[in-house]
Amino acid sequence: MGIQVILPQKGYEPLRRWERYKIDVPVRLIAQRPTKVAVVPGRGRELNRGGMAVFAGVELSTDELVAVEFTPPYAGQPIRVRGFVRNRNGYTYGIEFITENDSDYRNVGQLETILKTFGAAAN
């Protein structure tokens, strides 16, 4: 599987804080429900250090807290990152990663290291 860097389109440069990488990886979306934890398989479509676009067959609300677990390309172990649902288009959700505790910082830091490898390979 190849990794493709999606550069901001002309006129939209200021809107993107980080380079976006087009990927296609299996994910597990984990949502805490009032009576149970929902674990739903899905696909990660785009990724950057701040979040991920995830397609999953589950109803989520904007601002809902979820976790996304996936194995990034060229990484050996899965990563679990927490985030908030920031937008939705059908069953594709924009998840913004959060860093509220040491574990969050560690997981997002690991992801940033992997993304730097993508950037080096894309040049």
C-alpha atoms as a PDB file:
ATOM      1  CA  MET A   1       0.000   0.000   0.000  1.00  0.00           C
ATOM      2  CA  GLY A   2       1.365   3.405  -0.902  1.00  0.00           C
ATOM      3  CA  ILE A   3       1.039   6.539   1.174  1.00  0.00           C
ATOM      4  CA  GLN A   4      -0.053   9.655  -0.650  1.00  0.00           C
ATOM      5  CA  VAL A   5       0.479  13.163   0.699  1.00  0.00           C
ATOM      6  CA  ILE A   6      -2.487  15.429   0.015  1.00  0.00           C
ATOM      7  CA  LEU A   7      -1.250  18.990  -0.202  1.00  0.00           C
ATOM      8  CA  PRO A   8      -3.670  21.851   0.447  1.00  0.00           C
ATOM      9  CA  GLN A   9      -5.448  23.084  -2.653  1.00  0.00           C
ATOM     10  CA  LYS A  10      -4.618  26.546  -3.930  1.00  0.00           C
ATOM     11  CA  GLY A  11      -6.465  29.125  -1.865  1.00  0.00           C
ATOM     12  CA  TYR A  12      -6.933  26.759   1.101  1.00  0.00           C
ATOM     13  CA  GLU A  13      -3.383  26.683   2.475  1.00  0.00           C
ATOM     14  CA  PRO A  14      -4.158  28.584   5.705  1.00  0.00           C
ATOM     15  CA  LEU A  15      -6.957  26.168   6.695  1.00  0.00           C
ATOM     16  CA  ARG A  16      -4.692  23.119   7.158  1.00  0.00           C
ATOM     17  CA  ARG A  17      -2.439  23.042  10.202  1.00  0.00           C
ATOM     18  CA  TRP A  18      -0.698  19.806   9.189  1.00  0.00           C
ATOM     19  CA  GLU A  19      -0.041  17.808   6.051  1.00  0.00           C
ATOM     20  CA  ARG A  20      -2.727  15.240   5.414  1.00  0.00           C
ATOM     21  CA  TYR A  21      -1.867  11.684   4.381  1.00  0.00           C
ATOM     22  CA  LYS A  22      -4.260   9.608   2.317  1.00  0.00           C
ATOM     23  CA  ILE A  23      -4.278   6.100   3.765  1.00  0.00           C
ATOM     24  CA  ASP A  24      -6.550   3.081   3.841  1.00  0.00           C
ATOM     25  CA  VAL A  25      -6.163   1.133   7.071  1.00  0.00           C
ATOM     26  CA  PRO A  26      -8.547  -0.977   9.123  1.00  0.00           C
ATOM     27  CA  VAL A  27      -9.533   0.653  12.406  1.00  0.00           C
ATOM     28  CA  ARG A  28     -11.535  -0.169  15.483  1.00  0.00           C
ATOM     29  CA  LEU A  29     -13.728   2.700  16.613  1.00  0.00           C
ATOM     30  CA  ILE A  30     -14.527   2.515  20.325  1.00  0.00           C
ATOM     31  CA  ALA A  31     -17.428   4.538  21.740  1.00  0.00           C
ATOM     32  CA  GLN A  32     -18.588   4.530  25.357  1.00  0.00           C
ATOM     33  CA  ARG A  33     -22.368   4.106  25.476  1.00  0.00           C
ATOM     34  CA  PRO A  34     -24.582   4.487  28.569  1.00  0.00           C
ATOM     35  CA  THR A  35     -25.012   0.721  28.995  1.00  0.00           C
ATOM     36  CA  LYS A  36     -22.053  -0.711  27.060  1.00  0.00           C
ATOM     37  CA  VAL A  37     -18.942  -0.015  25.056  1.00  0.00           C
ATOM     38  CA  ALA A  38     -19.465  -0.157  21.285  1.00  0.00           C
ATOM     39  CA  VAL A  39     -16.486  -1.474  19.303  1.00  0.00           C
ATOM     40  CA  VAL A  40     -17.073  -1.057  15.570  1.00  0.00           C
ATOM     41  CA  PRO A  41     -14.765  -1.976  12.678  1.00  0.00           C
ATOM     42  CA  GLY A  42     -14.110   0.745  10.144  1.00  0.00           C
ATOM     43  CA  ARG A  43     -11.566   2.232   7.738  1.00  0.00           C
ATOM     44  CA  GLY A  44      -9.155   5.093   8.322  1.00  0.00           C
ATOM     45  CA  ARG A  45      -9.034   7.223   5.158  1.00  0.00           C
ATOM     46  CA  GLU A  46      -6.969  10.316   5.881  1.00  0.00           C
ATOM     47  CA  LEU A  47      -4.548  11.004   8.697  1.00  0.00           C
ATOM     48  CA  ASN A  48      -2.456  13.801  10.142  1.00  0.00           C
ATOM     49  CA  ARG A  49      -1.012  14.583  13.547  1.00  0.00           C
ATOM     50  CA  GLY A  50      -4.266  16.240  14.592  1.00  0.00           C
ATOM     51  CA  GLY A  51      -6.812  13.653  13.556  1.00  0.00           C
ATOM     52  CA  MET A  52      -8.201  11.102  11.170  1.00  0.00           C
ATOM     53  CA  ALA A  53     -11.138  10.629   8.828  1.00  0.00           C
ATOM     54  CA  VAL A  54     -12.859   7.362   9.745  1.00  0.00           C
ATOM     55  CA  PHE A  55     -15.610   5.491   7.923  1.00  0.00           C
ATOM     56  CA  ALA A  56     -17.597   3.293  10.338  1.00  0.00           C
ATOM     57  CA  GLY A  57     -21.151   1.963  10.395  1.00  0.00           C
ATOM     58  CA  VAL A  58     -22.191   3.526  13.682  1.00  0.00           C
ATOM     59  CA  GLU A  59     -24.214   6.585  14.671  1.00  0.00           C
ATOM     60  CA  LEU A  60     -21.985   9.137  16.403  1.00  0.00           C
ATOM     61  CA  SER A  61     -22.760  12.671  17.494  1.00  0.00           C
ATOM     62  CA  THR A  62     -20.613  15.739  17.000  1.00  0.00           C
ATOM     63  CA  ASP A  63     -18.374  16.285  20.051  1.00  0.00           C
ATOM     64  CA  GLU A  64     -18.729  12.636  21.141  1.00  0.00           C
ATOM     65  CA  LEU A  65     -15.586  11.197  22.724  1.00  0.00           C
ATOM     66  CA  VAL A  66     -14.273   8.068  20.962  1.00  0.00           C
ATOM     67  CA  ALA A  67     -11.066   6.098  20.630  1.00  0.00           C
ATOM     68  CA  VAL A  68      -9.571   4.937  17.349  1.00  0.00           C
ATOM     69  CA  GLU A  69      -7.273   1.929  17.322  1.00  0.00           C
ATOM     70  CA  PHE A  70      -5.231   1.094  14.239  1.00  0.00           C
ATOM     71  CA  THR A  71      -1.850  -0.070  13.065  1.00  0.00           C
ATOM     72  CA  PRO A  72      -0.268   2.702  10.985  1.00  0.00           C
ATOM     73  CA  PRO A  73       1.456   1.605   7.767  1.00  0.00           C
ATOM     74  CA  TYR A  74       5.043   0.476   8.416  1.00  0.00           C
ATOM     75  CA  ALA A  75       4.424   0.270  12.177  1.00  0.00           C
ATOM     76  CA  GLY A  76       4.534  -2.965  14.099  1.00  0.00           C
ATOM     77  CA  GLN A  77       2.121  -2.311  16.942  1.00  0.00           C
ATOM     78  CA  PRO A  78      -1.370  -0.800  16.993  1.00  0.00           C
ATOM     79  CA  ILE A  79      -1.934   2.683  18.375  1.00  0.00           C
ATOM     80  CA  ARG A  80      -5.020   3.790  20.285  1.00  0.00           C
ATOM     81  CA  VAL A  81      -5.757   7.515  20.255  1.00  0.00           C
ATOM     82  CA  ARG A  82      -8.670   9.319  21.838  1.00  0.00           C
ATOM     83  CA  GLY A  83     -10.518  12.063  20.075  1.00  0.00           C
ATOM     84  CA  PHE A  84     -13.706  13.991  19.579  1.00  0.00           C
ATOM     85  CA  VAL A  85     -16.020  13.686  16.583  1.00  0.00           C
ATOM     86  CA  ARG A  86     -15.760  17.130  14.983  1.00  0.00           C
ATOM     87  CA  ASN A  87     -17.705  16.608  11.773  1.00  0.00           C
ATOM     88  CA  ARG A  88     -19.693  14.032   9.897  1.00  0.00           C
ATOM     89  CA  ASN A  89     -20.619  13.204   6.302  1.00  0.00           C
ATOM     90  CA  GLY A  90     -22.826  10.112   6.268  1.00  0.00           C
ATOM     91  CA  TYR A  91     -20.827   7.467   8.116  1.00  0.00           C
ATOM     92  CA  THR A  92     -17.494   9.218   7.606  1.00  0.00           C
ATOM     93  CA  TYR A  93     -16.397  11.048  10.726  1.00  0.00           C
ATOM     94  CA  GLY A  94     -13.682  13.633  11.272  1.00  0.00           C
ATOM     95  CA  ILE A  95     -11.972  12.708  14.535  1.00  0.00           C
ATOM     96  CA  GLU A  96      -9.766  15.313  16.253  1.00  0.00           C
ATOM     97  CA  PHE A  97      -7.149  13.663  18.468  1.00  0.00           C
ATOM     98  CA  ILE A  98      -6.862  14.967  22.022  1.00  0.00           C
ATOM     99  CA  THR A  99      -3.969  15.185  24.446  1.00  0.00           C
ATOM    100  CA  GLU A 100      -5.347  15.476  27.959  1.00  0.00           C
ATOM    101  CA  ASN A 101      -3.064  13.083  29.825  1.00  0.00           C
ATOM    102  CA  ASP A 102       0.325  11.370  29.618  1.00  0.00           C
ATOM    103  CA  SER A 103      -1.066   8.395  27.715  1.00  0.00           C
ATOM    104  CA  ASP A 104      -2.654  10.686  25.090  1.00  0.00           C
ATOM    105  CA  TYR A 105       0.617  12.594  24.649  1.00  0.00           C
ATOM    106  CA  ARG A 106       2.554   9.349  24.301  1.00  0.00           C
ATOM    107  CA  ASN A 107       0.175   7.913  21.668  1.00  0.00           C
ATOM    108  CA  VAL A 108       0.001  11.096  19.590  1.00  0.00           C
ATOM    109  CA  GLY A 109       3.799  11.443  19.897  1.00  0.00           C
ATOM    110  CA  GLN A 110       4.214   7.922  18.541  1.00  0.00           C
ATOM    111  CA  LEU A 111       1.907   8.800  15.659  1.00  0.00           C
ATOM    112  CA  GLU A 112       3.880  11.995  14.919  1.00  0.00           C
ATOM    113  CA  THR A 113       7.101   9.944  14.703  1.00  0.00           C
ATOM    114  CA  ILE A 114       5.497   7.617  12.167  1.00  0.00           C
ATOM    115  CA  LEU A 115       4.122  10.539  10.130  1.00  0.00           C
ATOM    116  CA  LYS A 116       7.596  12.119   9.933  1.00  0.00           C
ATOM    117  CA  THR A 117       8.733   8.889   8.265  1.00  0.00           C
ATOM    118  CA  PHE A 118       5.932   9.280   5.695  1.00  0.00           C
ATOM    119  CA  GLY A 119       7.034  12.848   4.984  1.00  0.00           C
ATOM    120  CA  ALA A 120      10.627  11.779   4.456  1.00  0.00           C
ATOM    121  CA  ALA A 121       9.530   9.001   2.099  1.00  0.00           C
ATOM    122  CA  ALA A 122       7.246  11.338   0.127  1.00  0.00           C
ATOM    123  CA  ASN A 123      10.030  13.799  -0.786  1.00  0.00           C
END
